[in-house]
Amino acid sequence: MTHPDAHHRIDYLEYAVASIDAAKRFYGAAFGWTFENYGPDYCEFRDGRLTGGFFHGNPTPGGALVVLYSDDLGASEAAVSRAGGRITRPVFEFPGGRRFHFTDPDGYELAVWSQA
């Protein structure tokens, strides 16, 4: 999978949900989304244009995790720090790539990912 012209663009959204099964039932019934499970604690959704994920966690009403793509994860992490962002989860691996999380100066949490 390649991502032409995707560097530093919003690429993915993630929602913390109390029950992945309940989220799948709701979004599948309400909007016709489709799903792919990645273990018991993560499920990817597809709405026909955008993909995102549900992960088992504490729901944050009104707060999806916005995920940006990067061609160079290390450079993006350094740029976030230089710009005044706070790294909240240093680079870690997950199925399909690597990513880090940060908060901006107003406290909003975002993530940046790159292919492995």
C-alpha atoms as a PDB file:
ATOM      1  CA  MET A   1       0.000   0.000   0.000  1.00  0.00           C
ATOM      2  CA  THR A   2       1.431   3.363  -0.965  1.00  0.00           C
ATOM      3  CA  HIS A   3       0.267   6.784   0.111  1.00  0.00           C
ATOM      4  CA  PRO A   4       1.118   9.292  -2.626  1.00  0.00           C
ATOM      5  CA  ASP A   5       0.736  12.879  -1.464  1.00  0.00           C
ATOM      6  CA  ALA A   6      -0.376  11.689   1.985  1.00  0.00           C
ATOM      7  CA  HIS A   7       2.482  13.121   4.070  1.00  0.00           C
ATOM      8  CA  HIS A   8       1.045  14.937   7.105  1.00  0.00           C
ATOM      9  CA  ARG A   9      -2.567  14.600   5.956  1.00  0.00           C
ATOM     10  CA  ILE A  10      -5.383  13.184   8.068  1.00  0.00           C
ATOM     11  CA  ASP A  11      -5.480   9.495   7.206  1.00  0.00           C
ATOM     12  CA  TYR A  12      -7.464   7.651   9.869  1.00  0.00           C
ATOM     13  CA  LEU A  13      -9.784   8.154  12.852  1.00  0.00           C
ATOM     14  CA  GLU A  14      -9.963   6.026  15.974  1.00  0.00           C
ATOM     15  CA  TYR A  15     -12.674   5.832  18.608  1.00  0.00           C
ATOM     16  CA  ALA A  16     -12.319   4.402  22.111  1.00  0.00           C
ATOM     17  CA  VAL A  17     -15.429   2.321  22.744  1.00  0.00           C
ATOM     18  CA  ALA A  18     -16.718   0.378  25.744  1.00  0.00           C
ATOM     19  CA  SER A  19     -17.783  -2.522  23.477  1.00  0.00           C
ATOM     20  CA  ILE A  20     -16.430  -3.175  20.004  1.00  0.00           C
ATOM     21  CA  ASP A  21     -19.344  -5.516  19.260  1.00  0.00           C
ATOM     22  CA  ALA A  22     -21.887  -2.839  20.234  1.00  0.00           C
ATOM     23  CA  ALA A  23     -20.082  -0.225  18.109  1.00  0.00           C
ATOM     24  CA  LYS A  24     -20.090  -2.592  15.123  1.00  0.00           C
ATOM     25  CA  ARG A  25     -23.797  -3.300  15.553  1.00  0.00           C
ATOM     26  CA  PHE A  26     -24.643   0.408  15.774  1.00  0.00           C
ATOM     27  CA  TYR A  27     -22.507   1.727  12.893  1.00  0.00           C
ATOM     28  CA  GLY A  28     -23.274  -1.284  10.710  1.00  0.00           C
ATOM     29  CA  ALA A  29     -27.031  -0.888  11.188  1.00  0.00           C
ATOM     30  CA  ALA A  30     -27.113   2.919  11.077  1.00  0.00           C
ATOM     31  CA  PHE A  31     -24.689   3.571   8.200  1.00  0.00           C
ATOM     32  CA  GLY A  32     -23.841   0.248   6.531  1.00  0.00           C
ATOM     33  CA  TRP A  33     -20.172   0.351   7.561  1.00  0.00           C
ATOM     34  CA  THR A  34     -18.115  -2.829   7.160  1.00  0.00           C
ATOM     35  CA  PHE A  35     -15.530  -4.156   9.613  1.00  0.00           C
ATOM     36  CA  GLU A  36     -12.340  -6.166   9.912  1.00  0.00           C
ATOM     37  CA  ASN A  37     -11.264  -7.496  13.301  1.00  0.00           C
ATOM     38  CA  TYR A  38      -7.634  -7.339  14.424  1.00  0.00           C
ATOM     39  CA  GLY A  39      -7.835  -9.328  17.638  1.00  0.00           C
ATOM     40  CA  PRO A  40     -10.225  -8.909  20.572  1.00  0.00           C
ATOM     41  CA  ASP A  41      -9.376  -5.258  21.297  1.00  0.00           C
ATOM     42  CA  TYR A  42      -9.328  -3.647  17.850  1.00  0.00           C
ATOM     43  CA  CYS A  43     -11.595  -3.468  14.816  1.00  0.00           C
ATOM     44  CA  GLU A  44     -11.153  -1.433  11.649  1.00  0.00           C
ATOM     45  CA  PHE A  45     -14.210   0.147  10.022  1.00  0.00           C
ATOM     46  CA  ARG A  46     -14.772   1.228   6.445  1.00  0.00           C
ATOM     47  CA  ASP A  47     -17.458   3.696   5.438  1.00  0.00           C
ATOM     48  CA  GLY A  48     -16.855   3.404   1.693  1.00  0.00           C
ATOM     49  CA  ARG A  49     -14.361   6.285   1.570  1.00  0.00           C
ATOM     50  CA  LEU A  50     -12.515   6.558   4.892  1.00  0.00           C
ATOM     51  CA  THR A  51     -11.189   3.891   7.222  1.00  0.00           C
ATOM     52  CA  GLY A  52     -10.832   4.124  10.959  1.00  0.00           C
ATOM     53  CA  GLY A  53     -10.854   1.960  14.018  1.00  0.00           C
ATOM     54  CA  PHE A  54     -12.600   1.078  17.233  1.00  0.00           C
ATOM     55  CA  PHE A  55     -10.424   0.097  20.165  1.00  0.00           C
ATOM     56  CA  HIS A  56     -11.464  -1.133  23.570  1.00  0.00           C
ATOM     57  CA  GLY A  57     -10.953   1.732  26.006  1.00  0.00           C
ATOM     58  CA  ASN A  58     -12.607   4.560  27.873  1.00  0.00           C
ATOM     59  CA  PRO A  59     -14.951   6.403  25.503  1.00  0.00           C
ATOM     60  CA  THR A  60     -14.229  10.094  25.053  1.00  0.00           C
ATOM     61  CA  PRO A  61     -17.493  11.686  23.889  1.00  0.00           C
ATOM     62  CA  GLY A  62     -16.896  13.990  20.940  1.00  0.00           C
ATOM     63  CA  GLY A  63     -13.267  12.990  20.702  1.00  0.00           C
ATOM     64  CA  ALA A  64     -12.081  10.740  17.912  1.00  0.00           C
ATOM     65  CA  LEU A  65      -8.338  10.193  17.708  1.00  0.00           C
ATOM     66  CA  VAL A  66      -7.208  11.940  14.509  1.00  0.00           C
ATOM     67  CA  VAL A  67      -4.354  10.047  12.868  1.00  0.00           C
ATOM     68  CA  LEU A  68      -2.006  11.698  10.351  1.00  0.00           C
ATOM     69  CA  TYR A  69       0.258   9.838   7.926  1.00  0.00           C
ATOM     70  CA  SER A  70       4.015  10.502   7.649  1.00  0.00           C
ATOM     71  CA  ASP A  71       6.634   9.536   5.098  1.00  0.00           C
ATOM     72  CA  ASP A  72       9.293   9.938   7.851  1.00  0.00           C
ATOM     73  CA  LEU A  73       8.009   9.164  11.326  1.00  0.00           C
ATOM     74  CA  GLY A  74      11.195  10.202  13.152  1.00  0.00           C
ATOM     75  CA  ALA A  75      11.276  13.578  11.427  1.00  0.00           C
ATOM     76  CA  SER A  76       7.598  14.144  12.166  1.00  0.00           C
ATOM     77  CA  GLU A  77       8.067  13.270  15.846  1.00  0.00           C
ATOM     78  CA  ALA A  78      10.981  15.724  16.066  1.00  0.00           C
ATOM     79  CA  ALA A  79       8.953  18.432  14.304  1.00  0.00           C
ATOM     80  CA  VAL A  80       6.048  17.983  16.735  1.00  0.00           C
ATOM     81  CA  SER A  81       8.407  18.365  19.695  1.00  0.00           C
ATOM     82  CA  ARG A  82      10.131  21.426  18.205  1.00  0.00           C
ATOM     83  CA  ALA A  83       6.755  23.054  17.542  1.00  0.00           C
ATOM     84  CA  GLY A  84       5.727  22.695  21.196  1.00  0.00           C
ATOM     85  CA  GLY A  85       3.778  19.435  21.098  1.00  0.00           C
ATOM     86  CA  ARG A  86       4.182  16.905  23.905  1.00  0.00           C
ATOM     87  CA  ILE A  87       4.874  13.281  22.959  1.00  0.00           C
ATOM     88  CA  THR A  88       2.481  11.145  25.029  1.00  0.00           C
ATOM     89  CA  ARG A  89       3.311   7.748  23.475  1.00  0.00           C
ATOM     90  CA  PRO A  90       6.714   7.421  21.829  1.00  0.00           C
ATOM     91  CA  VAL A  91       6.967   5.486  18.561  1.00  0.00           C
ATOM     92  CA  PHE A  92       5.564   1.957  18.886  1.00  0.00           C
ATOM     93  CA  GLU A  93       4.818  -0.840  16.447  1.00  0.00           C
ATOM     94  CA  PHE A  94       1.374  -2.177  15.570  1.00  0.00           C
ATOM     95  CA  PRO A  95       0.155  -4.545  12.833  1.00  0.00           C
ATOM     96  CA  GLY A  96       0.772  -2.596   9.645  1.00  0.00           C
ATOM     97  CA  GLY A  97       3.222   0.027  10.818  1.00  0.00           C
ATOM     98  CA  ARG A  98       4.513   2.273  13.571  1.00  0.00           C
ATOM     99  CA  ARG A  99       3.160   5.418  15.201  1.00  0.00           C
ATOM    100  CA  PHE A 100       3.401   7.901  18.044  1.00  0.00           C
ATOM    101  CA  HIS A 101       0.852  10.009  19.928  1.00  0.00           C
ATOM    102  CA  PHE A 102       1.156  13.631  20.991  1.00  0.00           C
ATOM    103  CA  THR A 103      -0.846  16.488  22.408  1.00  0.00           C
ATOM    104  CA  ASP A 104      -0.913  19.913  20.825  1.00  0.00           C
ATOM    105  CA  PRO A 105      -0.568  23.114  22.892  1.00  0.00           C
ATOM    106  CA  ASP A 106      -4.333  23.080  23.610  1.00  0.00           C
ATOM    107  CA  GLY A 107      -4.252  19.493  24.869  1.00  0.00           C
ATOM    108  CA  TYR A 108      -5.806  17.753  21.860  1.00  0.00           C
ATOM    109  CA  GLU A 109      -4.356  14.278  21.329  1.00  0.00           C
ATOM    110  CA  LEU A 110      -3.421  13.189  17.811  1.00  0.00           C
ATOM    111  CA  ALA A 111      -1.310  10.385  16.368  1.00  0.00           C
ATOM    112  CA  VAL A 112       1.061  10.078  13.418  1.00  0.00           C
ATOM    113  CA  TRP A 113       1.688   6.744  11.685  1.00  0.00           C
ATOM    114  CA  SER A 114       3.931   5.318   8.994  1.00  0.00           C
ATOM    115  CA  GLN A 115       4.210   1.966   7.305  1.00  0.00           C
ATOM    116  CA  ALA A 116       6.649  -0.501   8.837  1.00  0.00           C
END
